C-alpha atoms as a PDB file:
ATOM      1  CA  MET A   1     134.886  66.485 116.320  1.00  0.00           C
ATOM      2  CA  THR A   2     138.092  66.492 118.328  1.00  0.00           C
ATOM      3  CA  TYR A   3     139.478  69.606 119.976  1.00  0.00           C
ATOM      4  CA  ARG A   4     143.097  70.080 120.953  1.00  0.00           C
ATOM      5  CA  HIS A   5     142.398  72.042 124.104  1.00  0.00           C
ATOM      6  CA  VAL A   6     139.072  72.833 125.661  1.00  0.00           C
ATOM      7  CA  PRO A   7     139.373  75.285 128.557  1.00  0.00           C
ATOM      8  CA  GLU A   8     137.383  74.123 131.531  1.00  0.00           C
ATOM      9  CA  VAL A   9     134.438  76.382 132.199  1.00  0.00           C
ATOM     10  CA  MET A  10     132.390  75.645 135.273  1.00  0.00           C
ATOM     11  CA  ALA A  11     129.810  77.442 137.320  1.00  0.00           C
ATOM     12  CA  ASP A  12     131.199  79.020 140.475  1.00  0.00           C
ATOM     13  CA  GLY A  13     134.782  78.318 139.374  1.00  0.00           C
ATOM     14  CA  GLU A  14     137.715  80.665 139.891  1.00  0.00           C
ATOM     15  CA  SER A  15     136.345  83.071 137.273  1.00  0.00           C
ATOM     16  CA  ALA A  16     132.898  83.304 138.889  1.00  0.00           C
ATOM     17  CA  GLY A  17     131.726  86.887 138.878  1.00  0.00           C
ATOM     18  CA  LEU A  18     134.637  88.218 136.804  1.00  0.00           C
ATOM     19  CA  PHE A  19     132.567  88.726 133.681  1.00  0.00           C
ATOM     20  CA  ASP A  20     129.230  89.742 135.228  1.00  0.00           C
ATOM     21  CA  ARG A  21     129.772  93.479 134.730  1.00  0.00           C
ATOM     22  CA  ILE A  22     130.735  92.986 131.080  1.00  0.00           C
ATOM     23  CA  CYS A  23     127.712  90.778 130.490  1.00  0.00           C
ATOM     24  CA  ASP A  24     125.338  93.220 132.162  1.00  0.00           C
ATOM     25  CA  ASN A  25     126.816  96.100 130.127  1.00  0.00           C
ATOM     26  CA  VAL A  26     126.137  94.183 126.908  1.00  0.00           C
ATOM     27  CA  ARG A  27     122.577  93.438 128.015  1.00  0.00           C
ATOM     28  CA  GLN A  28     121.870  97.045 128.908  1.00  0.00           C
ATOM     29  CA  SER A  29     123.489  98.514 125.789  1.00  0.00           C
ATOM     30  CA  THR A  30     121.498  96.175 123.521  1.00  0.00           C
ATOM     31  CA  ASP A  31     118.276  96.315 125.567  1.00  0.00           C
ATOM     32  CA  ALA A  32     118.223  92.509 125.356  1.00  0.00           C
ATOM     33  CA  ARG A  33     116.059  90.219 127.468  1.00  0.00           C
ATOM     34  CA  CYS A  34     119.080  88.018 128.067  1.00  0.00           C
ATOM     35  CA  VAL A  35     122.789  87.942 127.205  1.00  0.00           C
ATOM     36  CA  ALA A  36     125.366  85.195 127.550  1.00  0.00           C
ATOM     37  CA  VAL A  37     129.058  86.051 127.307  1.00  0.00           C
ATOM     38  CA  VAL A  38     131.733  83.389 126.900  1.00  0.00           C
ATOM     39  CA  ILE A  39     135.383  84.290 127.409  1.00  0.00           C
ATOM     40  CA  ILE A  40     138.083  81.883 126.226  1.00  0.00           C
ATOM     41  CA  GLY A  41     141.664  82.598 127.206  1.00  0.00           C
ATOM     42  CA  GLY A  42     141.094  86.190 128.283  1.00  0.00           C
ATOM     43  CA  GLU A  43     143.460  88.244 130.406  1.00  0.00           C
ATOM     44  CA  SER A  44     141.467  87.199 133.473  1.00  0.00           C
ATOM     45  CA  GLY A  45     141.020  83.612 132.364  1.00  0.00           C
ATOM     46  CA  SER A  46     138.125  81.761 130.800  1.00  0.00           C
ATOM     47  CA  GLY A  47     134.524  81.721 131.912  1.00  0.00           C
ATOM     48  CA  TYR A  48     131.021  82.833 131.184  1.00  0.00           C
ATOM     49  CA  SER A  49     128.311  85.070 132.512  1.00  0.00           C
ATOM     50  CA  ILE A  50     124.566  85.271 131.914  1.00  0.00           C
ATOM     51  CA  ALA A  51     122.420  88.321 132.582  1.00  0.00           C
ATOM     52  CA  GLY A  52     118.702  88.642 132.046  1.00  0.00           C
ATOM     53  CA  SER A  53     115.311  87.447 133.070  1.00  0.00           C
ATOM     54  CA  PHE A  54     114.930  83.890 134.274  1.00  0.00           C
ATOM     55  CA  ASP A  55     112.324  83.200 131.581  1.00  0.00           C
ATOM     56  CA  ALA A  56     114.807  84.193 128.872  1.00  0.00           C
ATOM     57  CA  GLN A  57     117.642  82.239 130.510  1.00  0.00           C
ATOM     58  CA  LEU A  58     115.514  79.096 130.261  1.00  0.00           C
ATOM     59  CA  LEU A  59     115.892  79.327 126.470  1.00  0.00           C
ATOM     60  CA  LEU A  60     119.700  79.181 126.606  1.00  0.00           C
ATOM     61  CA  PRO A  61     120.324  75.410 126.805  1.00  0.00           C
ATOM     62  CA  ASP A  62     118.380  74.766 123.601  1.00  0.00           C
ATOM     63  CA  ILE A  63     119.890  77.784 121.824  1.00  0.00           C
ATOM     64  CA  LEU A  64     123.427  76.798 122.831  1.00  0.00           C
ATOM     65  CA  ARG A  65     122.921  73.204 121.650  1.00  0.00           C
ATOM     66  CA  LYS A  66     121.702  74.466 118.270  1.00  0.00           C
ATOM     67  CA  MET A  67     124.633  76.877 118.053  1.00  0.00           C
ATOM     68  CA  ALA A  68     127.061  74.053 118.813  1.00  0.00           C
ATOM     69  CA  ASP A  69     125.545  71.888 116.078  1.00  0.00           C
ATOM     70  CA  VAL A  70     125.774  74.700 113.513  1.00  0.00           C
ATOM     71  CA  LEU A  71     129.339  75.574 114.492  1.00  0.00           C
ATOM     72  CA  GLU A  72     130.477  71.958 114.256  1.00  0.00           C
ATOM     73  CA  ARG A  73     128.984  71.629 110.755  1.00  0.00           C
ATOM     74  CA  GLN A  74     130.664  74.883 109.684  1.00  0.00           C
ATOM     75  CA  PHE A  75     134.014  73.756 111.077  1.00  0.00           C
ATOM     76  CA  GLU A  76     133.746  70.395 109.341  1.00  0.00           C
ATOM     77  CA  GLN A  77     133.037  72.135 106.012  1.00  0.00           C
ATOM     78  CA  ARG A  78     136.099  74.349 106.432  1.00  0.00           C
ATOM     79  CA  ARG A  79     138.313  71.324 107.098  1.00  0.00           C
ATOM     80  CA  GLN A  80     137.280  69.618 103.857  1.00  0.00           C
END
């Protein structure tokens, strides 16, 4: 799948720390073990934040890969 523009999101980039409070608020308000927030083209830029236990964060790479696969299939179906 080809994307027109993919904002660069990198650890410790210019947006580092900008979204931590938002992410922690989501985690606390949902009583979740772990939360990942991704911001694309927000007022303060693009970036991500992760809040939660280390054990739960270890699950994220696999979860995100599965999410990406599902999203790509859904997008392909919409384009047909």
